[in-house]
Amino acid sequence: MKPGLVVLSLETGRRVCSRAPPAHAVSPDRDPSLLERAAALKHDLGKYVAWRCANFDDDAWTGPMTDALVEALQADLLRTRETPQGDLTAWEVFEAHTADLPAPLPEPELRTVAAAVQVLREQEPALRAGDRGRLAAARPALRQAQHEIRSALRDLHRRLMREG
């Protein structure tokens, strides 16, 4: 296999996916894998963290809690990345891509994503139980966190491409 980013499941230790290094040059001051990592995160987390939820209009996020929204939240957050080895939650996907980075995370956008992922992770018990009451109360925070993740990863990738 060519050198690049390899994502391992935190639970099984098996390879979930791997990415080849970017074909274009990057700044010598930056870790050359950061752009590739940002692209992988944008795809693996940013794209799927709100894949189903993005289809709901504002009424679904403020009106009575529907089964459809509960199911979409569970799918997007508990099964963000489906692999042959099993499903990964949004926080597992983020951890798989960032576990080897120094703390604090090296880019402000990654720190924004980390905070938003924590908001999602805090709702894991309610998501697993399908607790409509707790999920209804958490809807604004969940929606905001999904939006922040998508936006921050998009912005990070664009910035690294420009600076590359």
Foldseek 3Di string as FASTA:
>chain_A
DADAAWFAFPVPRHTQDTDHFDPDDFDPVDDSRPLVLLVCCLPQQLCQLCVPVVPDDPCCLQPQPDPSNLVSNLCSAVQSDQGPVGGHGNVRSLCRSPVPADPPHPDPLNVQLVVLNVLSVVCVVCSVVVVRVVCSVCSVSNVVSSVSSNVSSVVVNVVRVVND
